[in-house]
């Protein structure tokens, strides 16, 4: 019983640390949430300039949103990791 409670408390504290750490990242870069609509808009425009049918535009928008978010996410993590070392 005590071991289970200690395990649950450890899991809860780890979850709280990761959540607090995640919000700390977003606090250090205040406009990160404003970038999400811009990524979506850029994906729609890029998809619409390459396709004509609405279904193809929808699938291409999802495709480009994932690619652009992934690339920007890697750049964000790289800048964050490099800034923590200084």
N, C-alpha and C. Protein backbone atom coordinates (compact mmCIF):
# COMPACT_ATOMS: atom_id res chain seq x y z
N UNK A 1 0.82 -1.20 0.00
CA UNK A 1 0.00 0.00 0.00
C UNK A 1 0.86 1.26 0.00
N UNK A 2 1.85 1.30 0.89
CA UNK A 2 2.71 2.49 0.96
C UNK A 2 3.56 2.59 -0.30
N UNK A 3 4.03 1.44 -0.79
CA UNK A 3 4.82 1.45 -2.02
C UNK A 3 4.03 1.96 -3.21
N UNK A 4 2.75 1.57 -3.29
CA UNK A 4 1.90 2.04 -4.37
C UNK A 4 1.68 3.55 -4.28
N UNK A 5 1.48 4.05 -3.07
CA UNK A 5 1.27 5.49 -2.88
C UNK A 5 2.53 6.26 -3.27
N UNK A 6 3.70 5.72 -2.90
CA UNK A 6 4.95 6.39 -3.25
C UNK A 6 5.14 6.40 -4.76
N UNK A 7 4.77 5.29 -5.42
CA UNK A 7 4.88 5.22 -6.87
C UNK A 7 3.96 6.24 -7.52
N UNK A 8 2.72 6.34 -7.02
CA UNK A 8 1.77 7.30 -7.57
C UNK A 8 2.24 8.73 -7.34
N UNK A 9 2.79 9.01 -6.17
CA UNK A 9 3.29 10.36 -5.89
C UNK A 9 4.47 10.70 -6.79
N UNK A 10 5.35 9.71 -7.03
CA UNK A 10 6.49 9.95 -7.92
C UNK A 10 5.99 10.24 -9.34
N UNK A 11 5.03 9.45 -9.80
CA UNK A 11 4.48 9.67 -11.13
C UNK A 11 3.79 11.02 -11.24
N UNK A 12 3.08 11.41 -10.18
CA UNK A 12 2.40 12.70 -10.18
C UNK A 12 3.40 13.84 -10.17
N UNK A 13 4.46 13.71 -9.37
CA UNK A 13 5.45 14.79 -9.32
C UNK A 13 6.21 14.88 -10.64
N UNK A 14 6.48 13.76 -11.29
CA UNK A 14 7.15 13.78 -12.59
C UNK A 14 6.25 14.44 -13.62
N UNK A 15 4.95 14.11 -13.60
CA UNK A 15 4.01 14.72 -14.53
C UNK A 15 3.92 16.21 -14.28
N UNK A 16 3.86 16.61 -13.00
CA UNK A 16 3.75 18.04 -12.69
C UNK A 16 5.02 18.77 -13.12
N UNK A 17 6.19 18.15 -12.94
CA UNK A 17 7.42 18.79 -13.37
C UNK A 17 7.44 18.99 -14.87
N UNK A 18 7.02 17.95 -15.62
CA UNK A 18 7.05 18.08 -17.07
C UNK A 18 6.03 19.11 -17.55
N UNK A 19 4.87 19.18 -16.90
CA UNK A 19 3.86 20.17 -17.28
C UNK A 19 4.35 21.58 -16.96
N UNK A 20 4.92 21.75 -15.78
CA UNK A 20 5.44 23.07 -15.40
C UNK A 20 6.58 23.46 -16.33
N UNK A 21 7.43 22.50 -16.66
CA UNK A 21 8.55 22.77 -17.57
C UNK A 21 8.03 23.17 -18.95
N UNK A 22 7.00 22.48 -19.42
CA UNK A 22 6.43 22.80 -20.73
C UNK A 22 5.85 24.21 -20.73
N UNK A 23 5.11 24.58 -19.68
CA UNK A 23 4.56 25.94 -19.61
C UNK A 23 5.67 26.97 -19.46
N UNK A 24 6.77 26.59 -18.82
CA UNK A 24 7.91 27.48 -18.71
C UNK A 24 8.51 27.78 -20.08
N UNK A 25 8.53 26.78 -20.94
CA UNK A 25 9.04 26.98 -22.30
C UNK A 25 8.14 27.99 -23.03
N UNK A 26 6.82 27.81 -22.90
CA UNK A 26 5.90 28.71 -23.59
C UNK A 26 5.93 30.11 -23.00
N UNK A 27 6.25 30.22 -21.70
CA UNK A 27 6.38 31.55 -21.10
C UNK A 27 7.62 32.27 -21.60
N UNK A 28 8.68 31.50 -21.88
CA UNK A 28 9.90 32.14 -22.35
C UNK A 28 9.77 32.63 -23.79
N UNK A 29 8.84 32.06 -24.54
CA UNK A 29 8.57 32.51 -25.90
C UNK A 29 7.08 32.82 -25.97
N UNK A 30 6.69 34.06 -25.67
CA UNK A 30 5.27 34.37 -25.50
C UNK A 30 4.42 34.24 -26.76
N UNK A 31 4.99 34.36 -27.92
CA UNK A 31 4.16 34.35 -29.13
C UNK A 31 4.16 33.01 -29.84
N UNK A 32 4.51 31.92 -29.13
CA UNK A 32 4.56 30.62 -29.80
C UNK A 32 3.17 30.17 -30.24
N UNK A 33 2.13 30.51 -29.49
CA UNK A 33 0.78 30.10 -29.88
C UNK A 33 0.25 30.90 -31.07
N UNK A 34 0.80 32.10 -31.29
CA UNK A 34 0.38 32.88 -32.44
C UNK A 34 0.93 32.30 -33.74
N UNK A 35 1.92 31.45 -33.65
CA UNK A 35 2.51 30.84 -34.83
C UNK A 35 1.66 29.72 -35.42
N UNK A 36 0.83 29.07 -34.60
CA UNK A 36 0.03 27.95 -35.10
C UNK A 36 -0.94 28.35 -36.20
N UNK A 37 -1.71 29.44 -36.06
CA UNK A 37 -2.58 29.83 -37.19
C UNK A 37 -1.79 30.22 -38.43
N UNK A 38 -0.62 30.80 -38.24
CA UNK A 38 0.20 31.17 -39.40
C UNK A 38 0.71 29.94 -40.13
N UNK A 39 1.08 28.90 -39.40
CA UNK A 39 1.51 27.65 -40.03
C UNK A 39 0.35 27.03 -40.80
N UNK A 40 -0.83 27.04 -40.22
CA UNK A 40 -2.00 26.49 -40.90
C UNK A 40 -2.33 27.30 -42.15
N UNK A 41 -2.28 28.61 -42.04
CA UNK A 41 -2.57 29.47 -43.20
C UNK A 41 -1.55 29.26 -44.31
N UNK A 42 -0.27 29.17 -43.96
CA UNK A 42 0.75 28.93 -44.97
C UNK A 42 0.54 27.57 -45.64
N UNK A 43 0.12 26.58 -44.87
CA UNK A 43 -0.13 25.25 -45.44
C UNK A 43 -1.31 25.27 -46.41
N UNK A 44 -2.37 25.97 -46.05
CA UNK A 44 -3.54 26.06 -46.93
C UNK A 44 -3.17 26.77 -48.23
N UNK A 45 -2.46 27.88 -48.12
CA UNK A 45 -2.07 28.64 -49.32
C UNK A 45 -1.16 27.79 -50.21
N UNK A 46 -0.19 27.12 -49.61
CA UNK A 46 0.72 26.30 -50.39
C UNK A 46 -0.03 25.15 -51.07
N UNK A 47 -0.94 24.51 -50.33
CA UNK A 47 -1.71 23.40 -50.91
C UNK A 47 -2.64 23.90 -52.01
N UNK A 48 -3.26 25.04 -51.81
CA UNK A 48 -4.20 25.56 -52.80
C UNK A 48 -3.52 26.01 -54.08
N UNK A 49 -2.25 26.40 -53.99
CA UNK A 49 -1.54 26.80 -55.21
C UNK A 49 -1.05 25.61 -56.02
N UNK A 50 -1.07 24.43 -55.41
CA UNK A 50 -0.60 23.24 -56.12
C UNK A 50 -1.71 22.27 -56.53
N UNK A 51 -2.91 22.46 -56.01
CA UNK A 51 -4.02 21.55 -56.31
C UNK A 51 -5.27 22.36 -56.62
N UNK A 52 -6.22 21.70 -57.31
CA UNK A 52 -7.47 22.37 -57.64
C UNK A 52 -8.68 21.76 -56.94
N UNK A 53 -8.67 20.46 -56.70
CA UNK A 53 -9.84 19.84 -56.07
C UNK A 53 -9.80 20.07 -54.55
N UNK A 54 -10.97 20.28 -53.95
CA UNK A 54 -11.01 20.52 -52.50
C UNK A 54 -10.45 19.37 -51.66
N UNK A 55 -10.69 18.12 -52.11
CA UNK A 55 -10.14 16.98 -51.36
C UNK A 55 -8.62 16.97 -51.39
N UNK A 56 -8.06 17.25 -52.54
CA UNK A 56 -6.60 17.28 -52.66
C UNK A 56 -6.02 18.43 -51.84
N UNK A 57 -6.72 19.55 -51.79
CA UNK A 57 -6.26 20.69 -50.99
C UNK A 57 -6.29 20.34 -49.50
N UNK A 58 -7.36 19.66 -49.06
CA UNK A 58 -7.44 19.26 -47.65
C UNK A 58 -6.29 18.33 -47.26
N UNK A 59 -6.03 17.31 -48.06
CA UNK A 59 -4.97 16.36 -47.74
C UNK A 59 -3.60 17.02 -47.83
N UNK A 60 -3.41 17.88 -48.80
CA UNK A 60 -2.12 18.58 -48.91
C UNK A 60 -1.93 19.56 -47.76
N UNK A 61 -3.02 20.16 -47.28
CA UNK A 61 -2.92 21.06 -46.12
C UNK A 61 -2.47 20.30 -44.88
N UNK A 62 -3.04 19.13 -44.65
CA UNK A 62 -2.62 18.30 -43.51
C UNK A 62 -1.15 17.91 -43.67
N UNK A 63 -0.79 17.50 -44.86
CA UNK A 63 0.58 17.09 -45.15
C UNK A 63 1.57 18.23 -44.87
N UNK A 64 1.29 19.41 -45.39
CA UNK A 64 2.21 20.54 -45.21
C UNK A 64 2.20 21.08 -43.79
N UNK A 65 1.07 21.00 -43.11
CA UNK A 65 1.03 21.42 -41.70
C UNK A 65 1.96 20.55 -40.86
N UNK A 66 1.93 19.26 -41.11
CA UNK A 66 2.80 18.34 -40.37
C UNK A 66 4.27 18.64 -40.69
N UNK A 67 4.58 18.81 -41.96
CA UNK A 67 5.98 19.10 -42.33
C UNK A 67 6.48 20.42 -41.76
N UNK A 68 5.70 21.48 -41.92
CA UNK A 68 6.14 22.79 -41.43
C UNK A 68 6.25 22.78 -39.91
N UNK A 69 5.28 22.18 -39.24
CA UNK A 69 5.33 22.10 -37.77
C UNK A 69 6.54 21.30 -37.31
N UNK A 70 6.83 20.21 -38.00
CA UNK A 70 7.99 19.41 -37.63
C UNK A 70 9.30 20.16 -37.80
N UNK A 71 9.44 20.84 -38.91
CA UNK A 71 10.67 21.60 -39.16
C UNK A 71 10.81 22.73 -38.14
N UNK A 72 9.74 23.48 -37.91
CA UNK A 72 9.80 24.57 -36.94
C UNK A 72 10.00 24.03 -35.52
N UNK A 73 9.42 22.87 -35.22
CA UNK A 73 9.61 22.26 -33.91
C UNK A 73 11.05 21.87 -33.66
N UNK A 74 11.71 21.32 -34.68
CA UNK A 74 13.12 20.96 -34.55
C UNK A 74 13.98 22.21 -34.36
N UNK A 75 13.69 23.24 -35.11
CA UNK A 75 14.44 24.50 -34.95
C UNK A 75 14.20 25.08 -33.56
N UNK A 76 12.95 25.04 -33.09
CA UNK A 76 12.62 25.54 -31.76
C UNK A 76 13.39 24.78 -30.69
N UNK A 77 13.39 23.45 -30.77
CA UNK A 77 14.12 22.64 -29.79
C UNK A 77 15.61 22.91 -29.83
N UNK A 78 16.16 23.07 -31.02
CA UNK A 78 17.58 23.36 -31.15
C UNK A 78 17.93 24.70 -30.50
N UNK A 79 17.14 25.71 -30.76
CA UNK A 79 17.39 27.03 -30.17
C UNK A 79 17.21 26.96 -28.66
N UNK A 80 16.21 26.24 -28.19
CA UNK A 80 15.97 26.12 -26.76
C UNK A 80 17.14 25.41 -26.07
N UNK A 81 17.58 24.30 -26.63
CA UNK A 81 18.69 23.55 -26.03
C UNK A 81 19.97 24.40 -26.04
N UNK A 82 20.23 25.09 -27.12
CA UNK A 82 21.42 25.92 -27.18
C UNK A 82 21.33 27.10 -26.21
N UNK A 83 20.15 27.63 -25.99
CA UNK A 83 20.02 28.76 -25.07
C UNK A 83 20.16 28.32 -23.62
N UNK A 84 19.86 27.05 -23.32
CA UNK A 84 20.00 26.56 -21.95
C UNK A 84 21.45 26.33 -21.57
N UNK A 85 22.30 26.08 -22.56
CA UNK A 85 23.73 25.86 -22.29
C UNK A 85 24.48 27.14 -22.02
N UNK A 86 23.97 28.27 -22.46
CA UNK A 86 24.70 29.54 -22.29
C UNK A 86 24.45 30.15 -20.95
